[in-house]
Amino acid sequence: MVVGLVNALRALPTLGVLLLAVLLWGLGLVPPIVALMLLGIPPLLAGTYAGLAAVDRTVVDAARAMGMTEHAMNDVLDQCPRKQTGREDERIEQHLA
């Protein structure tokens, strides 16, 4: 349900959202800020969902078998090293060799 709502928000045209914000709050700094915030949230939610969906099921099952709560699993995922790309990958491999 959340994914469908986020995808619906991503389909909103920028000019339409800005026009609606100007009609609601008048001219000034508030309408563009509200419009940009509203249009910036769906890509963040889509990326977060994609990242959480990419976690291997065996890792989640192993964490649950160890008695971890959802909050504890999120803390562990935050501490996991991220995959580096490009030159940093080469430096890490040279350091480990």
C-alpha atoms as a PDB file:
ATOM      1  CA  MET A   1       0.000   0.000   0.000  1.00  0.00           C
ATOM      2  CA  VAL A   2       2.823   2.389   0.877  1.00  0.00           C
ATOM      3  CA  VAL A   3       4.617   1.680  -2.398  1.00  0.00           C
ATOM      4  CA  GLY A   4       1.461   2.493  -4.383  1.00  0.00           C
ATOM      5  CA  LEU A   5       0.981   5.770  -2.513  1.00  0.00           C
ATOM      6  CA  VAL A   6       4.621   6.752  -3.017  1.00  0.00           C
ATOM      7  CA  ASN A   7       4.427   5.961  -6.734  1.00  0.00           C
ATOM      8  CA  ALA A   8       1.253   8.050  -7.012  1.00  0.00           C
ATOM      9  CA  LEU A   9       3.035  10.989  -5.362  1.00  0.00           C
ATOM     10  CA  ARG A  10       5.971  10.587  -7.767  1.00  0.00           C
ATOM     11  CA  ALA A  11       3.603  11.032 -10.697  1.00  0.00           C
ATOM     12  CA  LEU A  12       2.520  14.515  -9.581  1.00  0.00           C
ATOM     13  CA  PRO A  13       3.741  17.207 -11.957  1.00  0.00           C
ATOM     14  CA  THR A  14       5.989  19.778 -10.326  1.00  0.00           C
ATOM     15  CA  LEU A  15       4.206  22.775 -11.789  1.00  0.00           C
ATOM     16  CA  GLY A  16       0.823  21.476 -10.621  1.00  0.00           C
ATOM     17  CA  VAL A  17       2.038  21.029  -7.051  1.00  0.00           C
ATOM     18  CA  LEU A  18       3.601  24.490  -7.081  1.00  0.00           C
ATOM     19  CA  LEU A  19       0.393  26.018  -8.449  1.00  0.00           C
ATOM     20  CA  LEU A  20      -1.677  24.309  -5.771  1.00  0.00           C
ATOM     21  CA  ALA A  21       0.716  25.509  -3.058  1.00  0.00           C
ATOM     22  CA  VAL A  22       0.547  29.094  -4.365  1.00  0.00           C
ATOM     23  CA  LEU A  23      -3.248  28.935  -4.379  1.00  0.00           C
ATOM     24  CA  LEU A  24      -3.266  27.669  -0.798  1.00  0.00           C
ATOM     25  CA  TRP A  25      -0.570  29.898   0.740  1.00  0.00           C
ATOM     26  CA  GLY A  26      -0.220  32.795  -1.699  1.00  0.00           C
ATOM     27  CA  LEU A  27       2.995  34.150  -3.143  1.00  0.00           C
ATOM     28  CA  GLY A  28       6.159  34.008  -1.106  1.00  0.00           C
ATOM     29  CA  LEU A  29       8.757  31.555   0.072  1.00  0.00           C
ATOM     30  CA  VAL A  30       6.426  28.996   1.691  1.00  0.00           C
ATOM     31  CA  PRO A  31       4.771  27.535  -1.476  1.00  0.00           C
ATOM     32  CA  PRO A  32       7.993  26.535  -3.275  1.00  0.00           C
ATOM     33  CA  ILE A  33       9.479  25.088  -0.095  1.00  0.00           C
ATOM     34  CA  VAL A  34       6.350  23.024   0.585  1.00  0.00           C
ATOM     35  CA  ALA A  35       6.173  21.900  -3.057  1.00  0.00           C
ATOM     36  CA  LEU A  36       9.846  20.862  -3.109  1.00  0.00           C
ATOM     37  CA  MET A  37       9.505  18.992   0.182  1.00  0.00           C
ATOM     38  CA  LEU A  38       6.400  17.206  -1.065  1.00  0.00           C
ATOM     39  CA  LEU A  39       8.103  16.248  -4.314  1.00  0.00           C
ATOM     40  CA  GLY A  40      11.339  15.218  -2.568  1.00  0.00           C
ATOM     41  CA  ILE A  41       9.809  12.729  -0.142  1.00  0.00           C
ATOM     42  CA  PRO A  42       8.718   9.974  -2.593  1.00  0.00           C
ATOM     43  CA  PRO A  43      12.192   9.280  -4.025  1.00  0.00           C
ATOM     44  CA  LEU A  44      13.577   9.016  -0.487  1.00  0.00           C
ATOM     45  CA  LEU A  45      10.874   6.566   0.529  1.00  0.00           C
ATOM     46  CA  ALA A  46      11.319   4.528  -2.662  1.00  0.00           C
ATOM     47  CA  GLY A  47      15.079   4.281  -2.074  1.00  0.00           C
ATOM     48  CA  THR A  48      14.596   3.286   1.552  1.00  0.00           C
ATOM     49  CA  TYR A  49      12.083   0.616   0.602  1.00  0.00           C
ATOM     50  CA  ALA A  50      14.364  -0.741  -2.109  1.00  0.00           C
ATOM     51  CA  GLY A  51      17.293  -0.889   0.318  1.00  0.00           C
ATOM     52  CA  LEU A  52      15.323  -2.704   2.991  1.00  0.00           C
ATOM     53  CA  ALA A  53      13.823  -5.093   0.447  1.00  0.00           C
ATOM     54  CA  ALA A  54      17.340  -5.950  -0.794  1.00  0.00           C
ATOM     55  CA  VAL A  55      18.421  -7.363   2.571  1.00  0.00           C
ATOM     56  CA  ASP A  56      18.921 -11.120   2.208  1.00  0.00           C
ATOM     57  CA  ARG A  57      16.163 -13.162   3.874  1.00  0.00           C
ATOM     58  CA  THR A  58      18.696 -15.532   5.415  1.00  0.00           C
ATOM     59  CA  VAL A  59      20.277 -12.619   7.275  1.00  0.00           C
ATOM     60  CA  VAL A  60      16.896 -11.556   8.659  1.00  0.00           C
ATOM     61  CA  ASP A  61      16.063 -15.155   9.650  1.00  0.00           C
ATOM     62  CA  ALA A  62      19.434 -15.566  11.365  1.00  0.00           C
ATOM     63  CA  ALA A  63      18.936 -12.330  13.291  1.00  0.00           C
ATOM     64  CA  ARG A  64      15.482 -13.418  14.421  1.00  0.00           C
ATOM     65  CA  ALA A  65      16.862 -16.834  15.438  1.00  0.00           C
ATOM     66  CA  MET A  66      19.366 -15.024  17.667  1.00  0.00           C
ATOM     67  CA  GLY A  67      16.460 -13.243  19.347  1.00  0.00           C
ATOM     68  CA  MET A  68      16.980  -9.794  17.823  1.00  0.00           C
ATOM     69  CA  THR A  69      14.090  -7.371  17.736  1.00  0.00           C
ATOM     70  CA  GLU A  70      13.300  -5.276  14.653  1.00  0.00           C
ATOM     71  CA  HIS A  71      14.957  -2.272  16.309  1.00  0.00           C
ATOM     72  CA  ALA A  72      18.119  -4.259  17.074  1.00  0.00           C
ATOM     73  CA  MET A  73      18.272  -5.514  13.469  1.00  0.00           C
ATOM     74  CA  ASN A  74      18.058  -1.926  12.197  1.00  0.00           C
ATOM     75  CA  ASP A  75      20.927  -0.933  14.492  1.00  0.00           C
ATOM     76  CA  VAL A  76      23.076  -3.766  13.142  1.00  0.00           C
ATOM     77  CA  LEU A  77      22.253  -2.851   9.541  1.00  0.00           C
ATOM     78  CA  ASP A  78      23.284   0.739  10.238  1.00  0.00           C
ATOM     79  CA  GLN A  79      26.711  -0.462  11.399  1.00  0.00           C
ATOM     80  CA  CYS A  80      27.342  -2.736   8.377  1.00  0.00           C
ATOM     81  CA  PRO A  81      29.962  -1.435   5.962  1.00  0.00           C
ATOM     82  CA  ARG A  82      28.568  -0.158   2.688  1.00  0.00           C
ATOM     83  CA  LYS A  83      29.809  -1.475  -0.651  1.00  0.00           C
ATOM     84  CA  GLN A  84      32.370   0.964  -1.999  1.00  0.00           C
ATOM     85  CA  THR A  85      32.825   1.591  -5.689  1.00  0.00           C
ATOM     86  CA  GLY A  86      35.685   2.590  -7.912  1.00  0.00           C
ATOM     87  CA  ARG A  87      39.091   3.493  -6.532  1.00  0.00           C
ATOM     88  CA  GLU A  88      38.055   3.045  -2.911  1.00  0.00           C
ATOM     89  CA  ASP A  89      37.331  -0.625  -3.633  1.00  0.00           C
ATOM     90  CA  GLU A  90      40.861  -1.097  -4.978  1.00  0.00           C
ATOM     91  CA  ARG A  91      42.411   0.609  -1.947  1.00  0.00           C
ATOM     92  CA  ILE A  92      40.422  -1.574   0.435  1.00  0.00           C
ATOM     93  CA  GLU A  93      41.436  -4.747  -1.429  1.00  0.00           C
ATOM     94  CA  GLN A  94      45.114  -3.677  -1.397  1.00  0.00           C
ATOM     95  CA  HIS A  95      44.890  -2.944   2.314  1.00  0.00           C
ATOM     96  CA  LEU A  96      43.379  -6.363   3.060  1.00  0.00           C
ATOM     97  CA  ALA A  97      45.912  -8.261   0.890  1.00  0.00           C
END
